[in-house]
C-alpha atoms as a PDB file:
ATOM      1  CA  UNK A   1      85.984 108.060 -41.661  1.00  0.00           C
ATOM      2  CA  UNK A   2      82.687 107.673 -39.891  1.00  0.00           C
ATOM      3  CA  UNK A   3      81.257 110.274 -37.618  1.00  0.00           C
ATOM      4  CA  UNK A   4      80.702 109.667 -33.868  1.00  0.00           C
ATOM      5  CA  UNK A   5      77.526 111.716 -33.597  1.00  0.00           C
ATOM      6  CA  UNK A   6      75.095 113.311 -36.082  1.00  0.00           C
ATOM      7  CA  UNK A   7      74.584 116.341 -34.112  1.00  0.00           C
ATOM      8  CA  UNK A   8      76.749 118.853 -32.323  1.00  0.00           C
ATOM      9  CA  UNK A   9      76.606 117.452 -28.792  1.00  0.00           C
ATOM     10  CA  UNK A  10      78.366 118.790 -25.746  1.00  0.00           C
ATOM     11  CA  UNK A  11      77.530 117.998 -22.079  1.00  0.00           C
ATOM     12  CA  UNK A  12      75.015 120.223 -20.380  1.00  0.00           C
ATOM     13  CA  UNK A  13      77.807 121.905 -18.658  1.00  0.00           C
ATOM     14  CA  UNK A  14      79.473 123.527 -21.479  1.00  0.00           C
ATOM     15  CA  UNK A  15      83.234 122.996 -21.763  1.00  0.00           C
ATOM     16  CA  UNK A  16      86.009 125.176 -23.412  1.00  0.00           C
ATOM     17  CA  UNK A  17      86.634 122.273 -25.796  1.00  0.00           C
ATOM     18  CA  UNK A  18      84.840 119.141 -26.686  1.00  0.00           C
ATOM     19  CA  UNK A  19      86.669 116.254 -28.188  1.00  0.00           C
ATOM     20  CA  UNK A  20      85.212 113.330 -30.275  1.00  0.00           C
ATOM     21  CA  UNK A  21      87.660 110.586 -31.464  1.00  0.00           C
ATOM     22  CA  UNK A  22      86.735 107.383 -33.520  1.00  0.00           C
ATOM     23  CA  UNK A  23      89.607 105.091 -34.189  1.00  0.00           C
ATOM     24  CA  UNK A  24      88.549 102.182 -36.490  1.00  0.00           C
ATOM     25  CA  UNK A  25      85.789  99.982 -35.030  1.00  0.00           C
ATOM     26  CA  UNK A  26      86.922 100.795 -31.338  1.00  0.00           C
ATOM     27  CA  UNK A  27      84.547 102.379 -28.796  1.00  0.00           C
ATOM     28  CA  UNK A  28      84.383 106.223 -29.700  1.00  0.00           C
ATOM     29  CA  UNK A  29      85.822 108.524 -27.009  1.00  0.00           C
ATOM     30  CA  UNK A  30      84.156 111.998 -26.241  1.00  0.00           C
ATOM     31  CA  UNK A  31      85.617 114.146 -23.622  1.00  0.00           C
ATOM     32  CA  UNK A  32      86.780 117.709 -22.632  1.00  0.00           C
ATOM     33  CA  UNK A  33      88.524 119.651 -19.897  1.00  0.00           C
ATOM     34  CA  UNK A  34      86.108 120.638 -17.014  1.00  0.00           C
ATOM     35  CA  UNK A  35      87.899 123.726 -15.446  1.00  0.00           C
ATOM     36  CA  UNK A  36      87.283 127.222 -16.927  1.00  0.00           C
ATOM     37  CA  UNK A  37      90.893 127.536 -17.656  1.00  0.00           C
ATOM     38  CA  UNK A  38      91.203 124.037 -19.015  1.00  0.00           C
ATOM     39  CA  UNK A  39      92.577 122.927 -22.135  1.00  0.00           C
ATOM     40  CA  UNK A  40      94.119 119.840 -24.158  1.00  0.00           C
ATOM     41  CA  UNK A  41      96.927 118.554 -26.031  1.00  0.00           C
ATOM     42  CA  UNK A  42      96.678 115.886 -28.653  1.00  0.00           C
ATOM     43  CA  UNK A  43      99.747 114.323 -30.061  1.00  0.00           C
ATOM     44  CA  UNK A  44      99.636 112.862 -33.499  1.00  0.00           C
ATOM     45  CA  UNK A  45     102.244 110.148 -34.686  1.00  0.00           C
ATOM     46  CA  UNK A  46     102.291 108.874 -38.090  1.00  0.00           C
ATOM     47  CA  UNK A  47     104.182 106.071 -39.979  1.00  0.00           C
ATOM     48  CA  UNK A  48     106.896 107.206 -42.345  1.00  0.00           C
ATOM     49  CA  UNK A  49     108.803 104.631 -44.405  1.00  0.00           C
ATOM     50  CA  UNK A  50     108.174 101.838 -41.740  1.00  0.00           C
ATOM     51  CA  UNK A  51     108.997 104.029 -38.899  1.00  0.00           C
ATOM     52  CA  UNK A  52     106.960 106.068 -36.241  1.00  0.00           C
ATOM     53  CA  UNK A  53     107.398 109.778 -36.545  1.00  0.00           C
ATOM     54  CA  UNK A  54     106.008 112.906 -34.804  1.00  0.00           C
ATOM     55  CA  UNK A  55     103.418 114.299 -37.084  1.00  0.00           C
ATOM     56  CA  UNK A  56     102.659 117.172 -34.587  1.00  0.00           C
ATOM     57  CA  UNK A  57     100.195 118.141 -31.933  1.00  0.00           C
ATOM     58  CA  UNK A  58      96.984 120.152 -31.645  1.00  0.00           C
ATOM     59  CA  UNK A  59      96.615 122.300 -28.636  1.00  0.00           C
ATOM     60  CA  UNK A  60      93.424 123.985 -27.170  1.00  0.00           C
ATOM     61  CA  UNK A  61      94.312 126.549 -24.658  1.00  0.00           C
ATOM     62  CA  UNK A  62      92.930 129.567 -22.908  1.00  0.00           C
ATOM     63  CA  UNK A  63      95.147 132.704 -23.714  1.00  0.00           C
ATOM     64  CA  UNK A  64      95.946 135.589 -21.269  1.00  0.00           C
ATOM     65  CA  UNK A  65      92.826 137.643 -22.357  1.00  0.00           C
ATOM     66  CA  UNK A  66      90.518 134.671 -21.861  1.00  0.00           C
ATOM     67  CA  UNK A  67      90.224 133.741 -25.552  1.00  0.00           C
ATOM     68  CA  UNK A  68      89.958 130.000 -26.537  1.00  0.00           C
ATOM     69  CA  UNK A  69      92.732 129.277 -28.937  1.00  0.00           C
ATOM     70  CA  UNK A  70      93.097 126.271 -31.137  1.00  0.00           C
ATOM     71  CA  UNK A  71      96.660 125.595 -32.618  1.00  0.00           C
ATOM     72  CA  UNK A  72      98.441 122.999 -34.634  1.00  0.00           C
ATOM     73  CA  UNK A  73     102.255 122.618 -34.247  1.00  0.00           C
ATOM     74  CA  UNK A  74     104.074 120.399 -36.669  1.00  0.00           C
ATOM     75  CA  UNK A  75     107.204 118.253 -36.012  1.00  0.00           C
ATOM     76  CA  UNK A  76     109.475 121.240 -37.075  1.00  0.00           C
ATOM     77  CA  UNK A  77     107.912 123.736 -34.436  1.00  0.00           C
ATOM     78  CA  UNK A  78     105.794 125.618 -36.964  1.00  0.00           C
ATOM     79  CA  UNK A  79     102.652 126.728 -35.180  1.00  0.00           C
ATOM     80  CA  UNK A  80      99.341 127.700 -36.942  1.00  0.00           C
ATOM     81  CA  UNK A  81      96.375 129.233 -35.217  1.00  0.00           C
ATOM     82  CA  UNK A  82      93.445 127.275 -36.513  1.00  0.00           C
ATOM     83  CA  UNK A  83      90.797 128.986 -34.444  1.00  0.00           C
ATOM     84  CA  UNK A  84      89.973 131.716 -31.849  1.00  0.00           C
ATOM     85  CA  UNK A  85      86.926 132.218 -29.972  1.00  0.00           C
ATOM     86  CA  UNK A  86      85.531 134.330 -26.937  1.00  0.00           C
ATOM     87  CA  UNK A  87      84.926 132.058 -23.817  1.00  0.00           C
END
């Protein structure tokens, strides 16, 4: 899959998370939550034997201590923490 950007680019006003998505030849999308407590949820659907199934979702959130947490939850409800950083 081709990259949208060649550098690490985020707006001058740094966001908790910055998302870049490129789907085929469509216009790429780059966005992120604005608020200090802002996060996101990205739902992933996938074809399986001709039917659309839920693959899972990726969640970026701010926990109680203020850490930024990136998690993956599959369709069975298993949750994996992918990354944690200080805000």
